[in-house]
């Protein structure tokens, strides 16, 4: 499952790179994925909305077993 999550994150990365940001897979705890936003995304006030509306949606499309994505 972790490999599928990382592949999903690789599809998200170019979206964030366009705005000077990046994303890093931190861990998988049962069905919760932990990620770290980097670059411009780490301090962006819209980062939580990005995680829920983009990152979580795409990861769930690739890995339906995932229940939630959170930032650390």
N, C-alpha and C. Protein backbone atom coordinates (compact mmCIF):
# COMPACT_ATOMS: atom_id res chain seq x y z
N UNK A 1 0.83 -1.19 0.00
CA UNK A 1 0.00 0.00 0.00
C UNK A 1 0.88 1.26 0.00
N UNK A 2 1.97 1.21 0.72
CA UNK A 2 2.86 2.38 0.79
C UNK A 2 3.41 2.75 -0.58
N UNK A 3 3.73 1.75 -1.38
CA UNK A 3 4.24 2.03 -2.73
C UNK A 3 3.19 2.74 -3.59
N UNK A 4 1.94 2.32 -3.46
CA UNK A 4 0.87 2.97 -4.23
C UNK A 4 0.67 4.40 -3.77
N UNK A 5 0.81 4.65 -2.47
CA UNK A 5 0.69 6.01 -1.93
C UNK A 5 1.81 6.89 -2.50
N UNK A 6 3.02 6.36 -2.50
CA UNK A 6 4.15 7.13 -3.02
C UNK A 6 3.99 7.42 -4.51
N UNK A 7 3.43 6.49 -5.27
CA UNK A 7 3.17 6.74 -6.69
C UNK A 7 2.12 7.83 -6.86
N UNK A 8 1.10 7.82 -6.00
CA UNK A 8 0.08 8.87 -6.05
C UNK A 8 0.70 10.22 -5.73
N UNK A 9 1.57 10.25 -4.74
CA UNK A 9 2.25 11.50 -4.38
C UNK A 9 3.10 12.00 -5.54
N UNK A 10 3.72 11.08 -6.27
CA UNK A 10 4.50 11.48 -7.44
C UNK A 10 3.65 12.16 -8.51
N UNK A 11 2.37 11.82 -8.58
CA UNK A 11 1.49 12.49 -9.54
C UNK A 11 1.06 13.86 -9.03
N UNK A 12 1.09 14.06 -7.72
CA UNK A 12 0.71 15.34 -7.11
C UNK A 12 1.86 16.34 -7.16
N UNK A 13 3.07 15.84 -7.03
CA UNK A 13 4.25 16.70 -6.91
C UNK A 13 4.34 17.78 -7.99
N UNK A 14 4.13 17.49 -9.28
CA UNK A 14 4.23 18.55 -10.30
C UNK A 14 3.23 19.69 -10.08
N UNK A 15 2.08 19.38 -9.54
CA UNK A 15 1.07 20.42 -9.26
C UNK A 15 1.62 21.40 -8.23
N UNK A 16 2.23 20.87 -7.17
CA UNK A 16 2.78 21.72 -6.12
C UNK A 16 4.05 22.42 -6.57
N UNK A 17 4.86 21.74 -7.38
CA UNK A 17 6.11 22.33 -7.88
C UNK A 17 5.86 23.60 -8.69
N UNK A 18 4.73 23.65 -9.40
CA UNK A 18 4.41 24.84 -10.21
C UNK A 18 4.35 26.10 -9.35
N UNK A 19 3.94 25.94 -8.09
CA UNK A 19 3.82 27.09 -7.20
C UNK A 19 4.98 27.20 -6.22
N UNK A 20 6.05 26.46 -6.48
CA UNK A 20 7.24 26.54 -5.62
C UNK A 20 7.19 25.64 -4.40
N UNK A 21 6.27 24.69 -4.39
CA UNK A 21 6.15 23.80 -3.24
C UNK A 21 6.54 22.38 -3.57
N UNK A 22 6.43 21.54 -2.57
CA UNK A 22 6.72 20.12 -2.74
C UNK A 22 6.01 19.36 -1.63
N UNK A 23 6.00 18.05 -1.76
CA UNK A 23 5.34 17.19 -0.77
C UNK A 23 6.23 15.99 -0.50
N UNK A 24 6.22 15.56 0.75
CA UNK A 24 7.03 14.42 1.17
C UNK A 24 6.16 13.43 1.92
N UNK A 25 6.24 12.16 1.57
CA UNK A 25 5.56 11.10 2.33
C UNK A 25 6.32 10.92 3.63
N UNK A 26 5.60 10.93 4.76
CA UNK A 26 6.23 10.75 6.07
C UNK A 26 5.97 9.35 6.59
N UNK A 27 4.69 8.97 6.67
CA UNK A 27 4.38 7.64 7.19
C UNK A 27 2.95 7.25 6.88
N UNK A 28 2.68 5.98 7.11
CA UNK A 28 1.34 5.42 6.99
C UNK A 28 1.03 4.79 8.34
N UNK A 29 -0.02 5.26 8.98
CA UNK A 29 -0.43 4.74 10.28
C UNK A 29 -1.83 4.18 10.13
N UNK A 30 -1.92 2.87 9.98
CA UNK A 30 -3.18 2.17 9.68
C UNK A 30 -3.72 2.68 8.35
N UNK A 31 -4.74 3.52 8.37
CA UNK A 31 -5.32 4.04 7.13
C UNK A 31 -5.19 5.56 7.03
N UNK A 32 -4.26 6.14 7.78
CA UNK A 32 -4.02 7.58 7.76
C UNK A 32 -2.62 7.84 7.20
N UNK A 33 -2.57 8.64 6.15
CA UNK A 33 -1.30 9.00 5.52
C UNK A 33 -0.83 10.33 6.10
N UNK A 34 0.45 10.36 6.47
CA UNK A 34 1.05 11.60 6.98
C UNK A 34 2.03 12.12 5.93
N UNK A 35 1.87 13.39 5.58
CA UNK A 35 2.74 14.02 4.60
C UNK A 35 3.30 15.32 5.18
N UNK A 36 4.36 15.79 4.56
CA UNK A 36 4.95 17.07 4.95
C UNK A 36 5.01 17.94 3.70
N UNK A 37 4.47 19.13 3.80
CA UNK A 37 4.55 20.08 2.69
C UNK A 37 5.84 20.86 2.84
N UNK A 38 6.48 21.13 1.72
CA UNK A 38 7.77 21.83 1.73
C UNK A 38 7.72 23.03 0.79
N UNK A 39 8.77 23.82 0.86
CA UNK A 39 8.87 24.98 -0.01
C UNK A 39 7.77 25.98 0.27
N UNK A 40 7.25 26.59 -0.77
CA UNK A 40 6.21 27.61 -0.63
C UNK A 40 4.96 27.06 0.03
N UNK A 41 4.72 25.76 -0.11
CA UNK A 41 3.50 25.16 0.48
C UNK A 41 3.55 25.09 2.00
N UNK A 42 4.75 25.01 2.57
CA UNK A 42 4.84 24.83 4.02
C UNK A 42 4.31 26.02 4.81
N UNK A 43 4.40 27.21 4.28
CA UNK A 43 3.91 28.38 4.99
C UNK A 43 2.64 28.98 4.41
N UNK A 44 2.11 28.34 3.42
CA UNK A 44 0.94 28.88 2.73
C UNK A 44 -0.33 28.73 3.57
N UNK A 45 -1.11 29.81 3.69
CA UNK A 45 -2.35 29.72 4.46
C UNK A 45 -3.40 28.80 3.80
N UNK A 46 -3.22 28.49 2.53
CA UNK A 46 -4.15 27.60 1.84
C UNK A 46 -3.71 26.14 1.87
N UNK A 47 -2.64 25.84 2.59
CA UNK A 47 -2.08 24.49 2.55
C UNK A 47 -3.05 23.42 3.04
N UNK A 48 -3.81 23.69 4.07
CA UNK A 48 -4.76 22.68 4.56
C UNK A 48 -5.85 22.40 3.53
N UNK A 49 -6.28 23.43 2.84
CA UNK A 49 -7.28 23.23 1.80
C UNK A 49 -6.67 22.42 0.65
N UNK A 50 -5.42 22.69 0.32
CA UNK A 50 -4.73 21.92 -0.72
C UNK A 50 -4.63 20.46 -0.33
N UNK A 51 -4.29 20.20 0.91
CA UNK A 51 -4.15 18.81 1.37
C UNK A 51 -5.49 18.09 1.25
N UNK A 52 -6.56 18.70 1.68
CA UNK A 52 -7.86 18.03 1.67
C UNK A 52 -8.47 17.97 0.27
N UNK A 53 -8.38 19.05 -0.48
CA UNK A 53 -9.07 19.08 -1.77
C UNK A 53 -8.27 18.48 -2.92
N UNK A 54 -6.95 18.44 -2.81
CA UNK A 54 -6.14 17.90 -3.89
C UNK A 54 -5.41 16.62 -3.46
N UNK A 55 -4.57 16.75 -2.46
CA UNK A 55 -3.72 15.64 -2.05
C UNK A 55 -4.55 14.44 -1.58
N UNK A 56 -5.45 14.67 -0.65
CA UNK A 56 -6.26 13.57 -0.12
C UNK A 56 -7.11 12.93 -1.22
N UNK A 57 -7.71 13.74 -2.06
CA UNK A 57 -8.56 13.22 -3.12
C UNK A 57 -7.78 12.32 -4.08
N UNK A 58 -6.60 12.78 -4.50
CA UNK A 58 -5.81 12.00 -5.45
C UNK A 58 -5.28 10.72 -4.80
N UNK A 59 -4.82 10.81 -3.57
CA UNK A 59 -4.33 9.60 -2.89
C UNK A 59 -5.46 8.59 -2.73
N UNK A 60 -6.65 9.05 -2.36
CA UNK A 60 -7.79 8.13 -2.20
C UNK A 60 -8.20 7.50 -3.52
N UNK A 61 -8.05 8.23 -4.62
CA UNK A 61 -8.35 7.67 -5.94
C UNK A 61 -7.41 6.50 -6.26
N UNK A 62 -6.13 6.66 -5.89
CA UNK A 62 -5.14 5.62 -6.15
C UNK A 62 -5.17 4.50 -5.11
N UNK A 63 -5.51 4.86 -3.87
CA UNK A 63 -5.48 3.90 -2.76
C UNK A 63 -6.76 4.08 -1.94
N UNK A 64 -7.85 3.42 -2.34
CA UNK A 64 -9.14 3.61 -1.67
C UNK A 64 -9.15 3.23 -0.19
N UNK A 65 -8.18 2.44 0.24
CA UNK A 65 -8.14 2.04 1.65
C UNK A 65 -7.78 3.20 2.58
N UNK A 66 -7.20 4.25 2.03
CA UNK A 66 -6.80 5.43 2.83
C UNK A 66 -8.06 6.16 3.27
N UNK A 67 -8.12 6.49 4.55
CA UNK A 67 -9.28 7.21 5.10
C UNK A 67 -9.03 8.71 5.21
N UNK A 68 -7.74 9.09 5.44
CA UNK A 68 -7.45 10.50 5.66
C UNK A 68 -5.99 10.78 5.35
N UNK A 69 -5.71 12.04 5.00
CA UNK A 69 -4.35 12.51 4.81
C UNK A 69 -4.18 13.72 5.72
N UNK A 70 -3.10 13.71 6.50
CA UNK A 70 -2.83 14.82 7.42
C UNK A 70 -1.40 15.31 7.20
N UNK A 71 -1.17 16.56 7.56
CA UNK A 71 0.18 17.13 7.47
C UNK A 71 0.85 17.07 8.84
N UNK A 72 2.15 16.93 8.82
CA UNK A 72 2.92 16.93 10.06
C UNK A 72 4.01 17.98 9.98
